[in-house]
Amino acid sequence: MTAHYPTKFGGLVIHHSLGFNTLLATPNSQPKRGARRARQNKSPALRLMEKDANANHIPQFQSTVRVKHHFRYQAVASAGPVSITRAELLNMLVVGVSSTQVARMFSGIKLNRVEIRALSVPNLAAGTDAQLLTETIEWTSSYGPSSEVSDSGTPLHPPLLITAPPAQSLASFWSLTGSNESDVLFLLNITGGAIMDVWVDAILQDGQSPTVIGSFTSTPTVGQVYALALDGRASNNLVPVSYTTTN
């Protein structure tokens, strides 16, 4: 009779057969001790409860509609310092509700990043490139000093300003309808023709009574979505690019 002596090697059980120059390997199907012990420690009733809970539980979900978006504006003329408030961020996207009124689509908004690109001017006359162009943003704060960021260049080598709200600046917090809407988030100096890109997180209205804005000179269409000028209708200098607007 041939004797077999099983030994473990890694994840296999090796059977040594005496008298023959052969090895028979079979998978080691024994579970790890910790996992086996954990299963053994659970009572049948507990295992049955876990099975039923997993089968019958409705998965949770977040009902709040939160979106990310990249808005683009262009400065009609050089301006500054321009104050951008919480209210103006909340008014970035609206919908017409009458021939003279629009309503906000956002109940909350948070600013993530701003970029300003001055326009280059090719084929300048001799000496014109000496003109200095500067784009500036000053982030305001109630918890410390304000923080100013700027970039300068020339018409042939225009400035590019890239900045985000510093920690503890007013713009680093969410802006919510009805909460300190007159707060100035940042002060802006911008050159004429410059492109301003703004990245935000926003929360759509969900059953709240939306803020209605009235006294429009150009007639809104009911149900039409509009992007408003970032610096407000009174100035209407930072106008949306590639989006229907009204003032």
Protein backbone atom coordinates (compact mmCIF):
# COMPACT_ATOMS: atom_id res chain seq x y z
CA MET A 1 0.00 0.00 0.00
CA THR A 2 1.28 3.46 -0.85
CA ALA A 3 1.44 5.92 2.06
CA HIS A 4 0.54 9.60 1.61
CA TYR A 5 1.94 12.35 3.82
CA PRO A 6 0.16 15.70 3.26
CA THR A 7 2.07 18.87 4.04
CA LYS A 8 1.01 22.52 3.61
CA PHE A 9 2.95 24.75 1.24
CA GLY A 10 1.59 28.29 0.78
CA GLY A 11 -2.03 27.93 -0.32
CA LEU A 12 -1.61 24.27 -1.41
CA VAL A 13 -1.66 20.91 0.35
CA ILE A 14 1.14 18.69 -1.09
CA HIS A 15 0.59 14.90 -0.96
CA HIS A 16 3.88 12.94 -0.94
CA SER A 17 3.41 9.45 -2.34
CA LEU A 18 6.13 7.02 -1.15
CA GLY A 19 7.59 4.83 -3.81
CA PHE A 20 6.70 7.19 -6.65
CA ASN A 21 8.40 10.26 -7.96
CA THR A 22 5.14 12.26 -8.12
CA LEU A 23 3.45 15.09 -6.20
CA LEU A 24 -0.28 15.73 -6.08
CA ALA A 25 -1.22 19.31 -5.21
CA THR A 26 -4.72 20.30 -4.14
CA PRO A 27 -5.93 23.80 -3.11
CA ASN A 28 -5.93 24.51 0.58
CA SER A 29 -9.60 25.26 1.07
CA GLN A 30 -9.28 25.88 4.79
CA PRO A 31 -10.39 29.46 5.63
CA LYS A 32 -8.18 31.79 7.57
CA ARG A 33 -8.43 31.28 11.31
CA GLY A 34 -9.69 34.82 12.02
CA ALA A 35 -12.49 34.66 9.45
CA ARG A 36 -13.49 31.14 10.53
CA ARG A 37 -13.53 32.16 14.19
CA ALA A 38 -15.65 35.27 13.42
CA ARG A 39 -18.24 33.19 11.60
CA GLN A 40 -18.29 30.60 14.37
CA ASN A 41 -18.87 33.30 16.99
CA LYS A 42 -22.04 34.58 15.26
CA SER A 43 -25.23 32.92 16.34
CA PRO A 44 -27.59 31.58 13.64
CA ALA A 45 -30.17 34.18 14.67
CA LEU A 46 -27.66 37.03 14.19
CA ARG A 47 -26.59 35.72 10.78
CA LEU A 48 -30.25 35.52 9.74
CA MET A 49 -30.92 39.09 10.93
CA GLU A 50 -27.93 40.44 8.94
CA LYS A 51 -29.09 38.62 5.82
CA ASP A 52 -32.63 40.03 6.12
CA ALA A 53 -31.36 43.56 6.82
CA ASN A 54 -29.16 43.57 3.72
CA ALA A 55 -31.96 42.18 1.56
CA ASN A 56 -34.68 44.58 2.74
CA HIS A 57 -32.77 47.81 3.41
CA ILE A 58 -33.39 50.67 0.95
CA PRO A 59 -30.05 52.37 0.20
CA GLN A 60 -29.69 55.95 1.42
CA PHE A 61 -29.13 58.81 -1.03
CA GLN A 62 -28.52 62.56 -0.99
CA SER A 63 -31.62 64.40 -2.22
CA THR A 64 -29.99 67.84 -2.29
CA VAL A 65 -29.10 68.71 -5.90
CA ARG A 66 -25.53 70.02 -5.83
CA VAL A 67 -23.72 71.00 -9.02
CA LYS A 68 -20.31 72.24 -10.08
CA HIS A 69 -20.09 74.82 -12.84
CA HIS A 70 -17.59 77.02 -14.62
CA PHE A 71 -18.93 80.49 -15.48
CA ARG A 72 -17.15 82.87 -17.88
CA TYR A 73 -17.39 86.67 -18.04
CA GLN A 74 -15.75 89.42 -20.05
CA ALA A 75 -15.05 92.95 -18.85
CA VAL A 76 -16.64 95.50 -21.17
CA ALA A 77 -14.26 98.19 -19.84
CA SER A 78 -11.47 98.52 -17.31
CA ALA A 79 -12.89 98.85 -13.80
CA GLY A 80 -11.90 98.73 -10.18
CA PRO A 81 -12.11 98.32 -7.40
CA VAL A 82 -15.32 96.35 -8.04
CA SER A 83 -17.03 94.79 -5.01
CA ILE A 84 -18.45 91.28 -5.50
CA THR A 85 -20.94 90.31 -2.79
CA ARG A 86 -22.66 87.12 -1.70
CA ALA A 87 -25.87 88.34 -3.33
CA GLU A 88 -24.15 88.71 -6.71
CA LEU A 89 -22.87 85.13 -6.54
CA LEU A 90 -26.35 83.89 -5.64
CA ASN A 91 -27.73 85.83 -8.63
CA MET A 92 -25.38 84.21 -11.14
CA LEU A 93 -28.14 82.03 -12.60
CA VAL A 94 -31.83 83.00 -12.64
CA VAL A 95 -35.08 82.10 -14.40
CA GLY A 96 -37.71 84.46 -15.75
CA VAL A 97 -40.97 84.45 -13.75
CA SER A 98 -42.68 87.47 -15.35
CA SER A 99 -42.02 90.17 -17.91
CA THR A 100 -40.17 92.24 -15.28
CA GLN A 101 -38.92 89.67 -12.75
CA VAL A 102 -36.53 86.76 -12.43
CA ALA A 103 -35.95 84.28 -9.57
CA ARG A 104 -32.74 82.74 -8.30
CA MET A 105 -32.03 79.14 -9.19
CA PHE A 106 -29.43 78.71 -6.42
CA SER A 107 -30.15 78.65 -2.69
CA GLY A 108 -26.46 78.30 -1.83
CA ILE A 109 -23.16 78.83 -3.62
CA LYS A 110 -19.46 78.48 -2.83
CA LEU A 111 -16.61 80.00 -4.81
CA ASN A 112 -13.76 77.60 -5.63
CA ARG A 113 -11.39 79.39 -8.03
CA VAL A 114 -11.02 82.50 -10.17
CA GLU A 115 -8.84 83.09 -13.24
CA ILE A 116 -8.43 86.37 -15.10
CA ARG A 117 -6.74 86.55 -18.51
CA ALA A 118 -6.02 89.91 -20.07
CA LEU A 119 -6.30 89.97 -23.85
CA SER A 120 -3.12 90.00 -25.90
CA VAL A 121 -2.83 92.66 -28.59
CA PRO A 122 -0.71 91.55 -31.57
CA ASN A 123 0.83 93.89 -34.16
CA LEU A 124 1.21 96.79 -31.74
CA ALA A 125 2.76 100.06 -32.84
CA ALA A 126 6.35 100.61 -31.73
CA GLY A 127 6.55 101.48 -28.04
CA THR A 128 2.94 100.58 -27.25
CA ASP A 129 3.93 97.33 -25.50
CA ALA A 130 5.43 99.39 -22.67
CA GLN A 131 1.90 99.80 -21.26
CA LEU A 132 1.50 97.86 -18.00
CA LEU A 133 -1.62 95.74 -17.45
CA THR A 134 -2.52 94.52 -13.96
CA GLU A 135 -5.28 92.21 -12.76
CA THR A 136 -5.97 92.16 -9.01
CA ILE A 137 -8.22 90.37 -6.54
CA GLU A 138 -8.32 91.24 -2.84
CA TRP A 139 -9.96 88.54 -0.69
CA THR A 140 -11.76 89.98 2.33
CA SER A 141 -11.96 88.39 5.78
CA SER A 142 -13.70 89.01 9.10
CA TYR A 143 -11.13 86.89 10.94
CA GLY A 144 -7.89 88.54 9.90
CA PRO A 145 -6.29 90.78 7.28
CA SER A 146 -7.42 90.73 3.68
CA SER A 147 -5.26 88.96 1.10
CA GLU A 148 -4.42 90.56 -2.26
CA VAL A 149 -3.22 88.66 -5.32
CA SER A 150 -2.19 90.33 -8.58
CA ASP A 151 -0.40 89.68 -11.83
CA SER A 152 1.02 92.20 -14.29
CA GLY A 153 2.05 92.07 -17.93
CA THR A 154 1.99 93.94 -21.20
CA PRO A 155 -0.36 93.76 -24.21
CA LEU A 156 2.07 91.37 -25.93
CA HIS A 157 2.66 89.34 -22.77
CA PRO A 158 -0.61 89.77 -20.87
CA PRO A 159 -1.11 88.87 -17.22
CA LEU A 160 -2.79 85.67 -16.07
CA LEU A 161 -4.14 85.71 -12.52
CA ILE A 162 -5.05 82.38 -10.91
CA THR A 163 -6.32 82.41 -7.34
CA ALA A 164 -8.63 80.67 -4.87
CA PRO A 165 -10.26 81.92 -1.67
CA PRO A 166 -7.74 81.67 1.20
CA ALA A 167 -8.71 79.81 4.35
CA GLN A 168 -10.87 81.92 6.67
CA SER A 169 -11.65 84.45 3.94
CA LEU A 170 -15.35 85.26 3.53
CA ALA A 171 -15.37 83.66 0.08
CA SER A 172 -14.10 80.34 1.50
CA PHE A 173 -17.51 79.81 3.16
CA TRP A 174 -20.87 79.04 1.58
CA SER A 175 -23.12 81.95 0.62
CA LEU A 176 -26.76 81.21 1.48
CA THR A 177 -29.96 83.02 0.58
CA GLY A 178 -30.96 85.42 3.35
CA SER A 179 -27.66 85.16 5.22
CA ASN A 180 -25.34 88.22 5.13
CA GLU A 181 -25.91 88.73 1.42
CA SER A 182 -24.31 92.19 1.48
CA ASP A 183 -20.93 90.79 2.56
CA VAL A 184 -18.18 91.76 0.11
CA LEU A 185 -16.30 88.56 -0.79
CA PHE A 186 -13.57 90.19 -2.87
CA LEU A 187 -12.52 93.42 -4.56
CA LEU A 188 -11.56 93.24 -8.21
CA ASN A 189 -9.45 95.38 -10.54
CA ILE A 190 -9.77 94.22 -14.14
CA THR A 191 -8.67 95.52 -17.53
CA GLY A 192 -11.07 96.07 -20.43
CA GLY A 193 -11.64 92.97 -22.53
CA ALA A 194 -10.18 90.60 -19.93
CA ILE A 195 -11.76 87.17 -19.54
CA MET A 196 -12.77 86.12 -16.02
CA ASP A 197 -13.47 82.45 -15.27
CA VAL A 198 -15.27 81.52 -12.06
CA TRP A 199 -15.64 77.97 -10.69
CA VAL A 200 -18.38 77.32 -8.12
CA ASP A 201 -20.28 74.65 -6.23
CA ALA A 202 -23.98 75.44 -6.04
CA ILE A 203 -27.14 74.03 -4.49
CA LEU A 204 -30.37 74.24 -6.48
CA GLN A 205 -33.59 75.51 -4.93
CA ASP A 206 -35.52 72.68 -3.26
CA GLY A 207 -38.96 73.82 -2.17
CA GLN A 208 -37.76 77.14 -0.74
CA SER A 209 -39.44 80.37 -1.75
CA PRO A 210 -36.94 81.68 -4.33
CA THR A 211 -35.68 85.23 -4.12
CA VAL A 212 -37.35 87.32 -6.83
CA ILE A 213 -35.46 90.17 -8.49
CA GLY A 214 -37.46 92.82 -10.33
CA SER A 215 -37.34 96.08 -12.30
CA PHE A 216 -35.62 94.72 -15.38
CA THR A 217 -35.24 97.10 -18.30
CA SER A 218 -34.96 94.29 -20.85
CA THR A 219 -38.03 92.04 -20.72
CA PRO A 220 -37.32 88.53 -19.33
CA THR A 221 -39.20 85.59 -20.83
CA VAL A 222 -41.07 83.40 -18.38
CA GLY A 223 -39.24 80.08 -17.99
CA GLN A 224 -36.06 81.29 -19.74
CA VAL A 225 -32.83 80.75 -17.79
CA TYR A 226 -30.40 83.68 -17.71
CA ALA A 227 -26.91 84.36 -16.40
CA LEU A 228 -26.63 87.85 -14.92
CA ALA A 229 -23.62 90.15 -14.94
CA LEU A 230 -21.27 89.18 -12.11
CA ASP A 231 -20.92 92.77 -10.89
CA GLY A 232 -24.68 93.32 -10.77
CA ARG A 233 -27.23 94.89 -13.09
CA ALA A 234 -26.38 98.45 -12.04
CA SER A 235 -22.83 98.13 -13.40
CA ASN A 236 -23.37 95.37 -15.96
CA ASN A 237 -19.69 95.41 -16.87
CA LEU A 238 -18.72 91.77 -16.24
CA VAL A 239 -21.10 90.20 -18.76
CA PRO A 240 -21.59 86.43 -19.24
CA VAL A 241 -19.91 84.84 -22.25
CA SER A 242 -21.90 82.40 -24.43
CA TYR A 243 -24.98 82.53 -22.19
CA THR A 244 -28.27 84.39 -22.50
CA THR A 245 -28.38 87.38 -20.19
CA THR A 246 -30.77 90.15 -19.22
CA ASN A 247 -30.59 93.38 -17.21
